[in-house]
Amino acid sequence: MKIVQSLSHWYPVLLLLLGIHDIYTSSYSLAQNSYFGIKGPHDRLLYITRARRDSRVAKNVSMEVHMPPPDQQIAGLITYIEALDMDKDGTGGYARLKEGGIGQYEVTLGLVSQRGKPIDFIVRIYGNAL
């Protein structure tokens, strides 16, 4: 009983360390995800798409994602963009802002694969709806 009482002051420290370990191990991935801006508590999902393009032998593949698409109206002011790499093994590509973006009503993301690999991203755009 005395041992349990003497260890009780270490419980918060152990829980903190276990929590940090869980956060580290769950967030560690080889995926090359990209995040732009800050998602606020009142932001809503304005646009979501799955961007895929097949690989080409010994070449990089690229494509663009536009929000809003040509056939849709502007959905709102953009506050946060995430491009989630679905190739979790480190062979995926990367995303970059080409036009527009945070604080704008439109955005163009450029997606580029690694040499000889396909593009496979989920793109989510959040903001304040009009």
Protein backbone atom coordinates (compact mmCIF):
# COMPACT_ATOMS: atom_id res chain seq x y z
CA MET A 1 0.00 0.00 0.00
CA LYS A 2 2.87 2.32 0.82
CA ILE A 3 4.38 1.73 -2.67
CA VAL A 4 1.12 2.66 -4.41
CA GLN A 5 0.87 5.87 -2.38
CA SER A 6 4.46 6.82 -3.14
CA LEU A 7 3.91 6.29 -6.87
CA SER A 8 0.63 8.19 -7.01
CA HIS A 9 2.37 11.55 -7.55
CA TRP A 10 3.93 10.10 -10.74
CA TYR A 11 0.56 9.28 -12.37
CA PRO A 12 0.12 12.70 -14.04
CA VAL A 13 3.68 12.51 -15.40
CA LEU A 14 3.13 8.99 -16.73
CA LEU A 15 -0.17 9.95 -18.33
CA LEU A 16 1.46 12.97 -19.94
CA LEU A 17 4.31 10.88 -21.31
CA LEU A 18 1.93 8.22 -22.61
CA GLY A 19 -0.20 10.92 -24.22
CA ILE A 20 2.80 12.48 -25.94
CA HIS A 21 3.89 9.04 -27.13
CA ASP A 22 0.42 8.33 -28.54
CA ILE A 23 0.31 11.66 -30.33
CA TYR A 24 3.79 11.08 -31.78
CA THR A 25 3.13 7.55 -32.97
CA SER A 26 -0.33 8.27 -34.39
CA SER A 27 0.82 11.34 -36.30
CA TYR A 28 4.03 9.79 -37.65
CA SER A 29 3.60 8.83 -41.27
CA LEU A 30 5.59 8.85 -44.47
CA ALA A 31 2.73 10.56 -46.28
CA GLN A 32 3.56 13.98 -47.69
CA ASN A 33 0.46 15.85 -46.54
CA SER A 34 0.23 19.62 -47.04
CA TYR A 35 -1.65 22.08 -44.83
CA PHE A 36 -2.25 25.77 -45.48
CA GLY A 37 -3.90 28.24 -43.10
CA ILE A 38 -5.75 27.64 -39.84
CA LYS A 39 -9.08 25.84 -39.49
CA GLY A 40 -11.32 27.72 -37.08
CA PRO A 41 -14.18 26.31 -35.02
CA HIS A 42 -16.84 27.91 -37.24
CA ASP A 43 -15.30 27.01 -40.60
CA ARG A 44 -17.16 24.56 -42.77
CA LEU A 45 -16.16 22.29 -45.59
CA LEU A 46 -16.48 24.24 -48.84
CA TYR A 47 -15.04 21.70 -51.25
CA ILE A 48 -13.67 18.17 -51.28
CA THR A 49 -12.26 16.11 -54.14
CA ARG A 50 -10.14 13.04 -54.75
CA ALA A 51 -7.36 13.92 -57.21
CA ARG A 52 -5.85 10.95 -59.04
CA ARG A 53 -3.62 10.60 -62.03
CA ASP A 54 -1.86 7.46 -63.26
CA SER A 55 1.92 7.22 -63.27
CA ARG A 56 4.17 7.54 -66.31
CA VAL A 57 7.36 5.58 -66.69
CA ALA A 58 10.37 7.58 -65.42
CA LYS A 59 8.40 10.86 -65.43
CA ASN A 60 6.73 13.08 -62.89
CA VAL A 61 2.98 13.52 -63.23
CA SER A 62 1.32 16.83 -62.41
CA MET A 63 -2.21 18.18 -62.24
CA GLU A 64 -4.15 21.12 -60.88
CA VAL A 65 -7.15 21.30 -58.56
CA HIS A 66 -9.33 24.42 -58.86
CA MET A 67 -11.87 25.65 -56.32
CA PRO A 68 -14.46 26.52 -57.32
CA PRO A 69 -14.58 24.31 -60.41
CA PRO A 70 -15.56 26.14 -63.62
CA ASP A 71 -19.19 24.98 -63.39
CA GLN A 72 -19.77 26.07 -59.75
CA GLN A 73 -20.24 29.35 -57.93
CA ILE A 74 -17.87 30.69 -55.28
CA ALA A 75 -18.63 28.89 -52.00
CA GLY A 76 -16.93 31.20 -49.49
CA LEU A 77 -13.78 32.77 -48.12
CA ILE A 78 -11.00 30.17 -47.79
CA THR A 79 -9.35 29.81 -44.37
CA TYR A 80 -7.76 26.33 -44.45
CA ILE A 81 -6.63 23.86 -47.12
CA GLU A 82 -5.41 20.31 -46.66
CA ALA A 83 -4.04 18.02 -49.34
CA LEU A 84 -3.82 14.51 -47.90
CA ASP A 85 -1.42 12.13 -49.61
CA MET A 86 -3.08 8.71 -49.93
CA ASP A 87 0.26 7.01 -50.63
CA LYS A 88 1.27 6.45 -47.00
CA ASP A 89 4.59 4.78 -47.85
CA GLY A 90 6.51 7.91 -48.80
CA THR A 91 6.12 7.44 -52.57
CA GLY A 92 3.43 10.09 -53.00
CA GLY A 93 3.80 13.57 -54.37
CA TYR A 94 3.40 17.04 -52.94
CA ALA A 95 0.98 19.95 -53.19
CA ARG A 96 1.68 23.65 -53.58
CA LEU A 97 -0.42 26.78 -53.88
CA LYS A 98 -0.30 28.19 -57.39
CA GLU A 99 -2.98 30.90 -57.29
CA GLY A 100 -5.36 32.31 -54.72
CA GLY A 101 -5.50 30.54 -51.38
CA ILE A 102 -6.01 31.63 -47.80
CA GLY A 103 -8.11 34.80 -47.51
CA GLN A 104 -9.29 34.43 -51.10
CA TYR A 105 -12.46 33.09 -52.72
CA GLU A 106 -10.59 30.89 -55.20
CA VAL A 107 -7.56 28.63 -55.14
CA THR A 108 -5.51 26.58 -57.56
CA LEU A 109 -3.40 23.79 -56.08
CA GLY A 110 -0.63 22.17 -58.07
CA LEU A 111 -0.08 18.47 -57.36
CA VAL A 112 3.16 16.79 -58.45
CA SER A 113 4.14 13.12 -58.14
CA GLN A 114 7.51 11.58 -57.59
CA ARG A 115 9.19 10.20 -60.70
CA GLY A 116 7.36 7.13 -62.01
CA LYS A 117 4.64 7.33 -59.32
CA PRO A 118 0.95 8.24 -59.51
CA ILE A 119 -0.87 11.15 -57.87
CA ASP A 120 -3.47 10.26 -55.24
CA PHE A 121 -4.66 13.05 -52.92
CA ILE A 122 -7.78 14.00 -51.05
CA VAL A 123 -8.11 17.80 -51.12
CA ARG A 124 -10.34 19.51 -48.56
CA ILE A 125 -10.96 23.24 -48.49
CA TYR A 126 -12.57 24.93 -45.49
CA GLY A 127 -13.79 28.45 -44.95
CA ASN A 128 -16.59 30.85 -44.15
CA ALA A 129 -19.59 30.19 -46.37
CA LEU A 130 -21.22 33.08 -48.21
